[in-house]
Amino acid sequence: MENYVARIRNRGELLQPTNIVRLTIQYNDNYGHPVNADSFPQVSIIAPSGLVEMAPTSVGVQQIGVGNYLFEYTIDYAPGYGVYEDVWKATINGFLIEQTFSFVVSQGDLPALNTDGQKHIGDVVGLDYSQCAIQNLNKLMRTLKARLNSSGKAKSTDGYGNVIYVDCDIYSVDMLATFIADSITMFNEIPYFTFFSMEDTEIIDQFHNIFVEGATLTALASQALIEKGREFQITDNGVNFNPPTIAELLQTQYSTMLSNYWEKIKYIKNSLRPRPLGLGTLRPLASNPQFMRLRHLRERQLF
């Protein structure tokens, strides 16, 4: 019988029933320095329905650092999905401190309870790349971000009214990595099959531009579909507003670049095609049938 290891996740990760969530809390003094509680804090769990799923208890609470406490909670299947709250109560220098945090238990498209330790349809599959492949991927991704002008900052304010700048990227890292993987796949398929991968540093460096161009085309195509869904006429009290046709601009750029991209791949792949070492199984020029006879005679020779 195989041993089953339950999935242990942090508070902000995707959580499903039967997962173990790591609930932590950090206590600090007025100067921001870590400080221990007078005794182990108590923690209680409130279900999305508002009912108390677990009464306040200090059993199972661990201290993992100065003022830093951990409680591992096994999510039950019964309460359902939604936002759970973990309420912490502790006494520091005689003063009672109560803090409330939350974690979300969600349902995927095909929810599966991995209690048997087996893989199920719909499980999230991670990108299993070696260090060499990640280095090559990062080189391509840096150029791709610059070409797409994907990275950006948005001006905002925090809860105290201070101006802050938050990341506002057009494409996430996972999306960019997927576009690059698709580009390498297209390179291996046009016009004949090859088997280059992210591990081939020399190929990645030599054909850096063509890989980035293929990923750019995939990004343009995906973004054009999203922009097309936003372009509809807005009417308010007789005032009409037509958003700019960004989708058509992206589609035009994509169509123009695509044919040129295919031609460049064909020229590159034809230059990489190895020359035949002999006549092989290809039929030579039929004007002289002696070539075919000579091939069969050579197969019977002793030296």
C-alpha atoms as a PDB file:
ATOM      1  CA  MET A   1       0.000   0.000   0.000  1.00  0.00           C
ATOM      2  CA  GLU A   2       1.423   3.361  -1.017  1.00  0.00           C
ATOM      3  CA  ASN A   3       1.761   6.131   1.533  1.00  0.00           C
ATOM      4  CA  TYR A   4      -0.339   9.196   0.724  1.00  0.00           C
ATOM      5  CA  VAL A   5       1.106  12.621   1.443  1.00  0.00           C
ATOM      6  CA  ALA A   6      -1.538  15.322   1.784  1.00  0.00           C
ATOM      7  CA  ARG A   7      -1.085  18.531  -0.157  1.00  0.00           C
ATOM      8  CA  ILE A   8       0.165  21.294   2.103  1.00  0.00           C
ATOM      9  CA  ARG A   9      -0.408  24.788   0.734  1.00  0.00           C
ATOM     10  CA  ASN A  10      -0.002  28.340   1.959  1.00  0.00           C
ATOM     11  CA  ARG A  11      -2.814  30.757   2.646  1.00  0.00           C
ATOM     12  CA  GLY A  12      -2.761  32.529  -0.733  1.00  0.00           C
ATOM     13  CA  GLU A  13      -2.541  29.434  -2.946  1.00  0.00           C
ATOM     14  CA  LEU A  14      -5.314  27.527  -4.673  1.00  0.00           C
ATOM     15  CA  LEU A  15      -7.054  25.560  -1.934  1.00  0.00           C
ATOM     16  CA  GLN A  16      -9.499  22.701  -2.261  1.00  0.00           C
ATOM     17  CA  PRO A  17     -11.142  20.370   0.238  1.00  0.00           C
ATOM     18  CA  THR A  18      -8.800  17.864   1.916  1.00  0.00           C
ATOM     19  CA  ASN A  19      -5.835  20.228   1.414  1.00  0.00           C
ATOM     20  CA  ILE A  20      -3.802  21.304   4.458  1.00  0.00           C
ATOM     21  CA  VAL A  21      -3.444  25.072   4.651  1.00  0.00           C
ATOM     22  CA  ARG A  22      -0.592  26.666   6.606  1.00  0.00           C
ATOM     23  CA  LEU A  23      -2.060  29.503   8.702  1.00  0.00           C
ATOM     24  CA  THR A  24       0.585  31.798  10.177  1.00  0.00           C
ATOM     25  CA  ILE A  25       0.629  34.970  12.235  1.00  0.00           C
ATOM     26  CA  GLN A  26       3.441  37.347  13.218  1.00  0.00           C
ATOM     27  CA  TYR A  27       3.291  39.497  16.369  1.00  0.00           C
ATOM     28  CA  ASN A  28       5.363  42.695  16.620  1.00  0.00           C
ATOM     29  CA  ASP A  29       5.738  45.407  19.218  1.00  0.00           C
ATOM     30  CA  ASN A  30       5.119  49.137  18.703  1.00  0.00           C
ATOM     31  CA  TYR A  31       8.551  49.500  17.080  1.00  0.00           C
ATOM     32  CA  GLY A  32       7.978  46.693  14.580  1.00  0.00           C
ATOM     33  CA  HIS A  33      10.220  44.219  16.399  1.00  0.00           C
ATOM     34  CA  PRO A  34       9.047  40.578  16.708  1.00  0.00           C
ATOM     35  CA  VAL A  35       7.705  39.758  20.150  1.00  0.00           C
ATOM     36  CA  ASN A  36       6.419  36.527  21.648  1.00  0.00           C
ATOM     37  CA  ALA A  37       2.957  36.174  23.132  1.00  0.00           C
ATOM     38  CA  ASP A  38       2.553  35.519  26.825  1.00  0.00           C
ATOM     39  CA  SER A  39       1.303  32.030  25.933  1.00  0.00           C
ATOM     40  CA  PHE A  40       0.468  30.134  22.793  1.00  0.00           C
ATOM     41  CA  PRO A  41      -2.309  31.968  20.898  1.00  0.00           C
ATOM     42  CA  GLN A  42      -5.682  30.444  20.229  1.00  0.00           C
ATOM     43  CA  VAL A  43      -7.072  30.067  16.721  1.00  0.00           C
ATOM     44  CA  SER A  44     -10.619  29.434  15.528  1.00  0.00           C
ATOM     45  CA  ILE A  45     -12.014  28.799  12.031  1.00  0.00           C
ATOM     46  CA  ILE A  46     -15.194  30.426  10.707  1.00  0.00           C
ATOM     47  CA  ALA A  47     -16.877  28.749   7.709  1.00  0.00           C
ATOM     48  CA  PRO A  48     -18.238  30.783   4.755  1.00  0.00           C
ATOM     49  CA  SER A  49     -21.738  30.314   6.152  1.00  0.00           C
ATOM     50  CA  GLY A  50     -20.697  32.172   9.307  1.00  0.00           C
ATOM     51  CA  LEU A  51     -20.817  29.097  11.509  1.00  0.00           C
ATOM     52  CA  VAL A  52     -17.878  28.234  13.762  1.00  0.00           C
ATOM     53  CA  GLU A  53     -16.090  25.363  12.051  1.00  0.00           C
ATOM     54  CA  MET A  54     -13.452  25.019  14.784  1.00  0.00           C
ATOM     55  CA  ALA A  55     -13.726  26.428  18.287  1.00  0.00           C
ATOM     56  CA  PRO A  56     -10.826  28.514  19.688  1.00  0.00           C
ATOM     57  CA  THR A  57      -7.948  26.257  20.639  1.00  0.00           C
ATOM     58  CA  SER A  58      -4.190  26.412  21.072  1.00  0.00           C
ATOM     59  CA  VAL A  59      -3.758  22.696  20.433  1.00  0.00           C
ATOM     60  CA  GLY A  60      -1.638  22.218  17.337  1.00  0.00           C
ATOM     61  CA  VAL A  61      -0.296  25.776  17.291  1.00  0.00           C
ATOM     62  CA  GLN A  62       3.474  25.775  16.685  1.00  0.00           C
ATOM     63  CA  GLN A  63       6.052  28.502  17.204  1.00  0.00           C
ATOM     64  CA  ILE A  64       8.363  28.740  14.178  1.00  0.00           C
ATOM     65  CA  GLY A  65      10.124  31.971  15.087  1.00  0.00           C
ATOM     66  CA  VAL A  66      10.113  34.945  17.429  1.00  0.00           C
ATOM     67  CA  GLY A  67       6.473  36.011  17.556  1.00  0.00           C
ATOM     68  CA  ASN A  68       5.727  33.788  14.556  1.00  0.00           C
ATOM     69  CA  TYR A  69       3.138  31.032  15.036  1.00  0.00           C
ATOM     70  CA  LEU A  70       1.801  28.347  12.697  1.00  0.00           C
ATOM     71  CA  PHE A  71      -1.334  26.245  12.619  1.00  0.00           C
ATOM     72  CA  GLU A  72      -1.964  23.625   9.933  1.00  0.00           C
ATOM     73  CA  TYR A  73      -5.658  23.228   9.231  1.00  0.00           C
ATOM     74  CA  THR A  74      -7.107  20.351   7.205  1.00  0.00           C
ATOM     75  CA  ILE A  75      -9.939  21.657   5.054  1.00  0.00           C
ATOM     76  CA  ASP A  76     -13.060  19.560   5.404  1.00  0.00           C
ATOM     77  CA  TYR A  77     -15.279  18.804   2.435  1.00  0.00           C
ATOM     78  CA  ALA A  78     -18.556  19.440   4.291  1.00  0.00           C
ATOM     79  CA  PRO A  79     -18.632  23.260   4.764  1.00  0.00           C
ATOM     80  CA  GLY A  80     -18.275  23.846   1.005  1.00  0.00           C
ATOM     81  CA  TYR A  81     -16.458  26.506  -0.970  1.00  0.00           C
ATOM     82  CA  GLY A  82     -15.950  30.164  -0.185  1.00  0.00           C
ATOM     83  CA  VAL A  83     -14.022  32.490   2.098  1.00  0.00           C
ATOM     84  CA  TYR A  84     -12.955  31.066   5.445  1.00  0.00           C
ATOM     85  CA  GLU A  85     -11.720  33.173   8.355  1.00  0.00           C
ATOM     86  CA  ASP A  86      -9.082  32.237  10.903  1.00  0.00           C
ATOM     87  CA  VAL A  87      -9.354  34.272  14.093  1.00  0.00           C
ATOM     88  CA  TRP A  88      -6.293  34.510  16.338  1.00  0.00           C
ATOM     89  CA  LYS A  89      -6.375  35.565  19.989  1.00  0.00           C
ATOM     90  CA  ALA A  90      -3.255  36.138  22.072  1.00  0.00           C
ATOM     91  CA  THR A  91      -2.130  38.047  25.130  1.00  0.00           C
ATOM     92  CA  ILE A  92       1.014  40.196  24.892  1.00  0.00           C
ATOM     93  CA  ASN A  93       2.227  41.953  28.043  1.00  0.00           C
ATOM     94  CA  GLY A  94      -1.215  41.443  29.543  1.00  0.00           C
ATOM     95  CA  PHE A  95      -3.123  42.981  26.622  1.00  0.00           C
ATOM     96  CA  LEU A  96      -5.561  40.862  24.599  1.00  0.00           C
ATOM     97  CA  ILE A  97      -4.969  41.056  20.839  1.00  0.00           C
ATOM     98  CA  GLU A  98      -7.418  39.614  18.330  1.00  0.00           C
ATOM     99  CA  GLN A  99      -6.701  39.441  14.583  1.00  0.00           C
ATOM    100  CA  THR A 100      -8.694  37.955  11.711  1.00  0.00           C
ATOM    101  CA  PHE A 101      -7.323  36.613   8.429  1.00  0.00           C
ATOM    102  CA  SER A 102      -8.952  34.758   5.565  1.00  0.00           C
ATOM    103  CA  PHE A 103      -8.292  32.059   2.985  1.00  0.00           C
ATOM    104  CA  VAL A 104     -10.328  30.951  -0.027  1.00  0.00           C
ATOM    105  CA  VAL A 105     -11.402  27.400  -0.820  1.00  0.00           C
ATOM    106  CA  SER A 106     -12.383  27.205  -4.497  1.00  0.00           C
ATOM    107  CA  GLN A 107     -13.739  24.624  -6.879  1.00  0.00           C
ATOM    108  CA  GLY A 108     -11.982  23.911 -10.193  1.00  0.00           C
ATOM    109  CA  ASP A 109     -13.609  22.964 -13.473  1.00  0.00           C
ATOM    110  CA  LEU A 110     -13.185  19.289 -12.632  1.00  0.00           C
ATOM    111  CA  PRO A 111     -12.727  19.069  -8.871  1.00  0.00           C
ATOM    112  CA  ALA A 112     -10.872  16.001  -7.712  1.00  0.00           C
ATOM    113  CA  LEU A 113     -10.009  14.864  -4.229  1.00  0.00           C
ATOM    114  CA  ASN A 114      -6.533  13.364  -4.474  1.00  0.00           C
ATOM    115  CA  THR A 115      -6.982  11.147  -1.451  1.00  0.00           C
ATOM    116  CA  ASP A 116      -5.718   8.170  -3.448  1.00  0.00           C
ATOM    117  CA  GLY A 117      -2.475   9.880  -4.439  1.00  0.00           C
ATOM    118  CA  GLN A 118      -3.307   9.447  -8.144  1.00  0.00           C
ATOM    119  CA  LYS A 119      -3.407  12.119 -10.825  1.00  0.00           C
ATOM    120  CA  HIS A 120      -6.790  13.342 -12.016  1.00  0.00           C
ATOM    121  CA  ILE A 121      -8.087  15.214 -15.044  1.00  0.00           C
ATOM    122  CA  GLY A 122      -7.913  18.927 -14.386  1.00  0.00           C
ATOM    123  CA  ASP A 123      -4.923  18.869 -12.038  1.00  0.00           C
ATOM    124  CA  VAL A 124      -2.530  21.779 -12.465  1.00  0.00           C
ATOM    125  CA  VAL A 125       0.672  20.579 -14.144  1.00  0.00           C
ATOM    126  CA  GLY A 126       3.820  22.555 -13.382  1.00  0.00           C
ATOM    127  CA  LEU A 127       6.504  23.488 -15.898  1.00  0.00           C
ATOM    128  CA  ASP A 128       9.327  21.025 -15.311  1.00  0.00           C
ATOM    129  CA  TYR A 129      12.357  22.803 -16.828  1.00  0.00           C
ATOM    130  CA  SER A 130      16.016  22.310 -16.007  1.00  0.00           C
ATOM    131  CA  GLN A 131      18.237  25.215 -14.968  1.00  0.00           C
ATOM    132  CA  CYS A 132      19.700  25.386 -18.466  1.00  0.00           C
ATOM    133  CA  ALA A 133      16.216  25.513 -20.019  1.00  0.00           C
ATOM    134  CA  ILE A 134      15.078  28.204 -17.567  1.00  0.00           C
ATOM    135  CA  GLN A 135      18.126  30.316 -18.422  1.00  0.00           C
ATOM    136  CA  ASN A 136      17.348  30.058 -22.148  1.00  0.00           C
ATOM    137  CA  LEU A 137      13.678  30.736 -21.502  1.00  0.00           C
ATOM    138  CA  ASN A 138      14.488  33.881 -19.521  1.00  0.00           C
ATOM    139  CA  LYS A 139      16.672  35.194 -22.340  1.00  0.00           C
ATOM    140  CA  LEU A 140      13.844  34.777 -24.822  1.00  0.00           C
ATOM    141  CA  MET A 141      11.291  36.163 -22.389  1.00  0.00           C
ATOM    142  CA  ARG A 142      13.259  39.360 -21.786  1.00  0.00           C
ATOM    143  CA  THR A 143      13.326  40.128 -25.509  1.00  0.00           C
ATOM    144  CA  LEU A 144       9.680  39.161 -25.869  1.00  0.00           C
ATOM    145  CA  LYS A 145       8.603  41.511 -23.073  1.00  0.00           C
ATOM    146  CA  ALA A 146      10.435  44.402 -24.730  1.00  0.00           C
ATOM    147  CA  ARG A 147       8.987  43.625 -28.154  1.00  0.00           C
ATOM    148  CA  LEU A 148       5.420  43.421 -26.833  1.00  0.00           C
ATOM    149  CA  ASN A 149       5.941  46.332 -24.426  1.00  0.00           C
ATOM    150  CA  SER A 150       4.285  44.041 -21.910  1.00  0.00           C
ATOM    151  CA  SER A 151       5.769  45.396 -18.671  1.00  0.00           C
ATOM    152  CA  GLY A 152       4.276  48.528 -17.191  1.00  0.00           C
ATOM    153  CA  LYS A 153       3.350  50.397 -14.045  1.00  0.00           C
ATOM    154  CA  ALA A 154       0.010  51.873 -12.975  1.00  0.00           C
ATOM    155  CA  LYS A 155      -0.330  54.835 -10.643  1.00  0.00           C
ATOM    156  CA  SER A 156      -2.466  54.153  -7.603  1.00  0.00           C
ATOM    157  CA  THR A 157      -2.885  55.076  -3.939  1.00  0.00           C
ATOM    158  CA  ASP A 158      -2.685  52.919  -0.845  1.00  0.00           C
ATOM    159  CA  GLY A 159      -5.038  52.916   2.119  1.00  0.00           C
ATOM    160  CA  TYR A 160      -3.308  55.989   3.566  1.00  0.00           C
ATOM    161  CA  GLY A 161      -3.513  58.078   0.404  1.00  0.00           C
ATOM    162  CA  ASN A 162       0.130  57.633  -0.569  1.00  0.00           C
ATOM    163  CA  VAL A 163       0.926  57.405  -4.275  1.00  0.00           C
ATOM    164  CA  ILE A 164       2.249  53.995  -5.246  1.00  0.00           C
ATOM    165  CA  TYR A 165       3.062  52.321  -8.552  1.00  0.00           C
ATOM    166  CA  VAL A 166       1.896  48.756  -9.033  1.00  0.00           C
ATOM    167  CA  ASP A 167       2.837  46.283 -11.743  1.00  0.00           C
ATOM    168  CA  CYS A 168       0.444  46.319 -14.679  1.00  0.00           C
ATOM    169  CA  ASP A 169       1.753  43.770 -17.154  1.00  0.00           C
ATOM    170  CA  ILE A 170      -0.224  42.896 -20.279  1.00  0.00           C
ATOM    171  CA  TYR A 171       0.925  39.275 -20.287  1.00  0.00           C
ATOM    172  CA  SER A 172       1.772  37.160 -17.261  1.00  0.00           C
ATOM    173  CA  VAL A 173       4.974  35.138 -17.001  1.00  0.00           C
ATOM    174  CA  ASP A 174       3.061  31.881 -17.560  1.00  0.00           C
ATOM    175  CA  MET A 175       1.515  33.275 -20.740  1.00  0.00           C
ATOM    176  CA  LEU A 176       4.884  34.440 -22.096  1.00  0.00           C
ATOM    177  CA  ALA A 177       6.454  31.054 -21.332  1.00  0.00           C
ATOM    178  CA  THR A 178       3.574  29.350 -23.161  1.00  0.00           C
ATOM    179  CA  PHE A 179       3.998  31.605 -26.210  1.00  0.00           C
ATOM    180  CA  ILE A 180       7.717  30.783 -26.368  1.00  0.00           C
ATOM    181  CA  ALA A 181       7.046  27.040 -26.041  1.00  0.00           C
ATOM    182  CA  ASP A 182       4.522  27.293 -28.905  1.00  0.00           C
ATOM    183  CA  SER A 183       7.085  29.155 -31.009  1.00  0.00           C
ATOM    184  CA  ILE A 184       9.693  26.403 -30.556  1.00  0.00           C
ATOM    185  CA  THR A 185       7.056  23.806 -31.444  1.00  0.00           C
ATOM    186  CA  MET A 186       6.181  25.653 -34.663  1.00  0.00           C
ATOM    187  CA  PHE A 187       9.871  25.901 -35.507  1.00  0.00           C
ATOM    188  CA  ASN A 188      10.167  22.117 -35.144  1.00  0.00           C
ATOM    189  CA  GLU A 189       7.160  21.471 -37.391  1.00  0.00           C
ATOM    190  CA  ILE A 190       7.804  23.787 -40.379  1.00  0.00           C
ATOM    191  CA  PRO A 191       8.453  22.573 -43.051  1.00  0.00           C
ATOM    192  CA  TYR A 192       9.686  19.218 -41.713  1.00  0.00           C
ATOM    193  CA  PHE A 193      10.079  17.804 -38.230  1.00  0.00           C
ATOM    194  CA  THR A 194      13.056  18.534 -35.999  1.00  0.00           C
ATOM    195  CA  PHE A 195      13.532  17.952 -32.296  1.00  0.00           C
ATOM    196  CA  PHE A 196      15.077  21.118 -30.845  1.00  0.00           C
ATOM    197  CA  SER A 197      14.172  22.011 -27.269  1.00  0.00           C
ATOM    198  CA  MET A 198      14.771  24.659 -24.659  1.00  0.00           C
ATOM    199  CA  GLU A 199      17.916  22.767 -23.671  1.00  0.00           C
ATOM    200  CA  ASP A 200      19.693  23.549 -26.969  1.00  0.00           C
ATOM    201  CA  THR A 201      21.490  26.747 -25.997  1.00  0.00           C
ATOM    202  CA  GLU A 202      23.298  27.108 -29.319  1.00  0.00           C
ATOM    203  CA  ILE A 203      20.050  26.891 -31.280  1.00  0.00           C
ATOM    204  CA  ILE A 204      18.303  29.306 -28.897  1.00  0.00           C
ATOM    205  CA  ASP A 205      21.116  31.841 -29.240  1.00  0.00           C
ATOM    206  CA  GLN A 206      21.521  31.519 -33.010  1.00  0.00           C
ATOM    207  CA  PHE A 207      17.803  31.730 -33.834  1.00  0.00           C
ATOM    208  CA  HIS A 208      16.841  33.978 -30.936  1.00  0.00           C
ATOM    209  CA  ASN A 209      14.970  36.401 -33.172  1.00  0.00           C
ATOM    210  CA  ILE A 210      12.854  33.794 -34.965  1.00  0.00           C
ATOM    211  CA  PHE A 211      11.726  32.238 -31.666  1.00  0.00           C
ATOM    212  CA  VAL A 212      10.744  35.648 -30.292  1.00  0.00           C
ATOM    213  CA  GLU A 213       8.926  36.492 -33.514  1.00  0.00           C
ATOM    214  CA  GLY A 214       6.879  33.296 -33.336  1.00  0.00           C
ATOM    215  CA  ALA A 215       5.953  34.012 -29.722  1.00  0.00           C
ATOM    216  CA  THR A 216       5.020  37.577 -30.697  1.00  0.00           C
ATOM    217  CA  LEU A 217       2.617  36.328 -33.362  1.00  0.00           C
ATOM    218  CA  THR A 218       0.901  34.033 -30.857  1.00  0.00           C
ATOM    219  CA  ALA A 219       0.602  36.909 -28.383  1.00  0.00           C
ATOM    220  CA  LEU A 220      -0.870  39.227 -31.018  1.00  0.00           C
ATOM    221  CA  ALA A 221      -3.433  36.624 -32.043  1.00  0.00           C
ATOM    222  CA  SER A 222      -4.554  36.002 -28.464  1.00  0.00           C
ATOM    223  CA  GLN A 223      -4.767  39.695 -27.617  1.00  0.00           C
ATOM    224  CA  ALA A 224      -6.722  40.450 -30.808  1.00  0.00           C
ATOM    225  CA  LEU A 225      -9.490  38.091 -29.682  1.00  0.00           C
ATOM    226  CA  ILE A 226      -9.690  39.808 -26.290  1.00  0.00           C
ATOM    227  CA  GLU A 227      -9.744  43.310 -27.780  1.00  0.00           C
ATOM    228  CA  LYS A 228     -12.445  42.305 -30.278  1.00  0.00           C
ATOM    229  CA  GLY A 229     -14.793  41.497 -27.418  1.00  0.00           C
ATOM    230  CA  ARG A 230     -14.339  45.005 -26.002  1.00  0.00           C
ATOM    231  CA  GLU A 231     -15.071  46.913 -29.212  1.00  0.00           C
ATOM    232  CA  PHE A 232     -18.764  47.623 -29.184  1.00  0.00           C
ATOM    233  CA  GLN A 233     -20.636  50.887 -29.530  1.00  0.00           C
ATOM    234  CA  ILE A 234     -21.531  52.671 -26.309  1.00  0.00           C
ATOM    235  CA  THR A 235     -24.663  54.832 -26.260  1.00  0.00           C
ATOM    236  CA  ASP A 236     -25.617  57.028 -23.321  1.00  0.00           C
ATOM    237  CA  ASN A 237     -28.381  59.652 -23.554  1.00  0.00           C
ATOM    238  CA  GLY A 238     -27.926  60.046 -27.279  1.00  0.00           C
ATOM    239  CA  VAL A 239     -24.125  60.254 -27.098  1.00  0.00           C
ATOM    240  CA  ASN A 240     -22.371  57.535 -29.066  1.00  0.00           C
ATOM    241  CA  PHE A 241     -18.807  56.388 -28.530  1.00  0.00           C
ATOM    242  CA  ASN A 242     -16.955  53.956 -30.779  1.00  0.00           C
ATOM    243  CA  PRO A 243     -13.769  52.494 -29.207  1.00  0.00           C
ATOM    244  CA  PRO A 244     -10.752  52.360 -31.528  1.00  0.00           C
ATOM    245  CA  THR A 245     -10.491  49.179 -33.576  1.00  0.00           C
ATOM    246  CA  ILE A 246      -7.405  47.806 -31.867  1.00  0.00           C
ATOM    247  CA  ALA A 247      -8.316  44.230 -32.752  1.00  0.00           C
ATOM    248  CA  GLU A 248      -8.181  44.975 -36.485  1.00  0.00           C
ATOM    249  CA  LEU A 249      -4.780  46.633 -36.113  1.00  0.00           C
ATOM    250  CA  LEU A 250      -3.432  43.615 -34.263  1.00  0.00           C
ATOM    251  CA  GLN A 251      -4.974  41.247 -36.797  1.00  0.00           C
ATOM    252  CA  THR A 252      -3.477  43.176 -39.716  1.00  0.00           C
ATOM    253  CA  GLN A 253      -0.044  43.139 -38.115  1.00  0.00           C
ATOM    254  CA  TYR A 254      -0.392  39.431 -37.357  1.00  0.00           C
ATOM    255  CA  SER A 255      -1.420  38.526 -40.919  1.00  0.00           C
ATOM    256  CA  THR A 256       1.373  40.584 -42.461  1.00  0.00           C
ATOM    257  CA  MET A 257       4.066  39.099 -40.264  1.00  0.00           C
ATOM    258  CA  LEU A 258       2.815  35.511 -40.443  1.00  0.00           C
ATOM    259  CA  SER A 259       3.627  34.820 -44.109  1.00  0.00           C
ATOM    260  CA  ASN A 260       7.082  36.375 -43.742  1.00  0.00           C
ATOM    261  CA  TYR A 261       7.650  34.334 -40.574  1.00  0.00           C
ATOM    262  CA  TRP A 262       6.815  31.063 -42.339  1.00  0.00           C
ATOM    263  CA  GLU A 263       9.152  31.854 -45.214  1.00  0.00           C
ATOM    264  CA  LYS A 264      12.028  32.613 -42.860  1.00  0.00           C
ATOM    265  CA  ILE A 265      11.505  29.325 -41.005  1.00  0.00           C
ATOM    266  CA  LYS A 266      11.509  27.422 -44.314  1.00  0.00           C
ATOM    267  CA  TYR A 267      14.802  29.020 -45.381  1.00  0.00           C
ATOM    268  CA  ILE A 268      16.359  28.293 -41.976  1.00  0.00           C
ATOM    269  CA  LYS A 269      15.185  24.686 -41.849  1.00  0.00           C
ATOM    270  CA  ASN A 270      16.290  24.011 -45.432  1.00  0.00           C
ATOM    271  CA  SER A 271      19.763  25.257 -44.562  1.00  0.00           C
ATOM    272  CA  LEU A 272      19.832  22.870 -41.603  1.00  0.00           C
ATOM    273  CA  ARG A 273      18.770  19.849 -43.663  1.00  0.00           C
ATOM    274  CA  PRO A 274      21.738  17.424 -43.818  1.00  0.00           C
ATOM    275  CA  ARG A 275      22.943  16.374 -47.229  1.00  0.00           C
ATOM    276  CA  PRO A 276      22.335  12.704 -48.144  1.00  0.00           C
ATOM    277  CA  LEU A 277      25.359  10.454 -47.692  1.00  0.00           C
ATOM    278  CA  GLY A 278      24.434   8.363 -50.737  1.00  0.00           C
ATOM    279  CA  LEU A 279      21.551   7.533 -53.010  1.00  0.00           C
ATOM    280  CA  GLY A 280      19.692   6.030 -50.068  1.00  0.00           C
ATOM    281  CA  THR A 281      16.132   5.006 -50.818  1.00  0.00           C
ATOM    282  CA  LEU A 282      15.461   8.053 -53.019  1.00  0.00           C
ATOM    283  CA  ARG A 283      14.929   7.201 -56.672  1.00  0.00           C
ATOM    284  CA  PRO A 284      17.599   8.935 -58.802  1.00  0.00           C
ATOM    285  CA  LEU A 285      17.016  10.609 -62.112  1.00  0.00           C
ATOM    286  CA  ALA A 286      15.130   8.092 -64.225  1.00  0.00           C
ATOM    287  CA  SER A 287      16.986   9.030 -67.410  1.00  0.00           C
ATOM    288  CA  ASN A 288      19.678   6.425 -66.661  1.00  0.00           C
ATOM    289  CA  PRO A 289      18.365   3.175 -65.103  1.00  0.00           C
ATOM    290  CA  GLN A 290      21.937   1.967 -64.550  1.00  0.00           C
ATOM    291  CA  PHE A 291      22.007   3.939 -61.275  1.00  0.00           C
ATOM    292  CA  MET A 292      19.333   1.685 -59.844  1.00  0.00           C
ATOM    293  CA  ARG A 293      21.135  -1.444 -61.071  1.00  0.00           C
ATOM    294  CA  LEU A 294      24.461  -0.206 -59.645  1.00  0.00           C
ATOM    295  CA  ARG A 295      22.920   0.261 -56.202  1.00  0.00           C
ATOM    296  CA  HIS A 296      21.661  -3.320 -56.084  1.00  0.00           C
ATOM    297  CA  LEU A 297      24.974  -4.689 -57.346  1.00  0.00           C
ATOM    298  CA  ARG A 298      26.860  -2.865 -54.576  1.00  0.00           C
ATOM    299  CA  GLU A 299      24.651  -4.442 -51.941  1.00  0.00           C
ATOM    300  CA  ARG A 300      26.023  -7.899 -52.988  1.00  0.00           C
ATOM    301  CA  GLN A 301      29.687  -6.990 -53.081  1.00  0.00           C
ATOM    302  CA  LEU A 302      32.041  -8.581 -50.534  1.00  0.00           C
ATOM    303  CA  PHE A 303      34.530  -5.701 -50.089  1.00  0.00           C
END
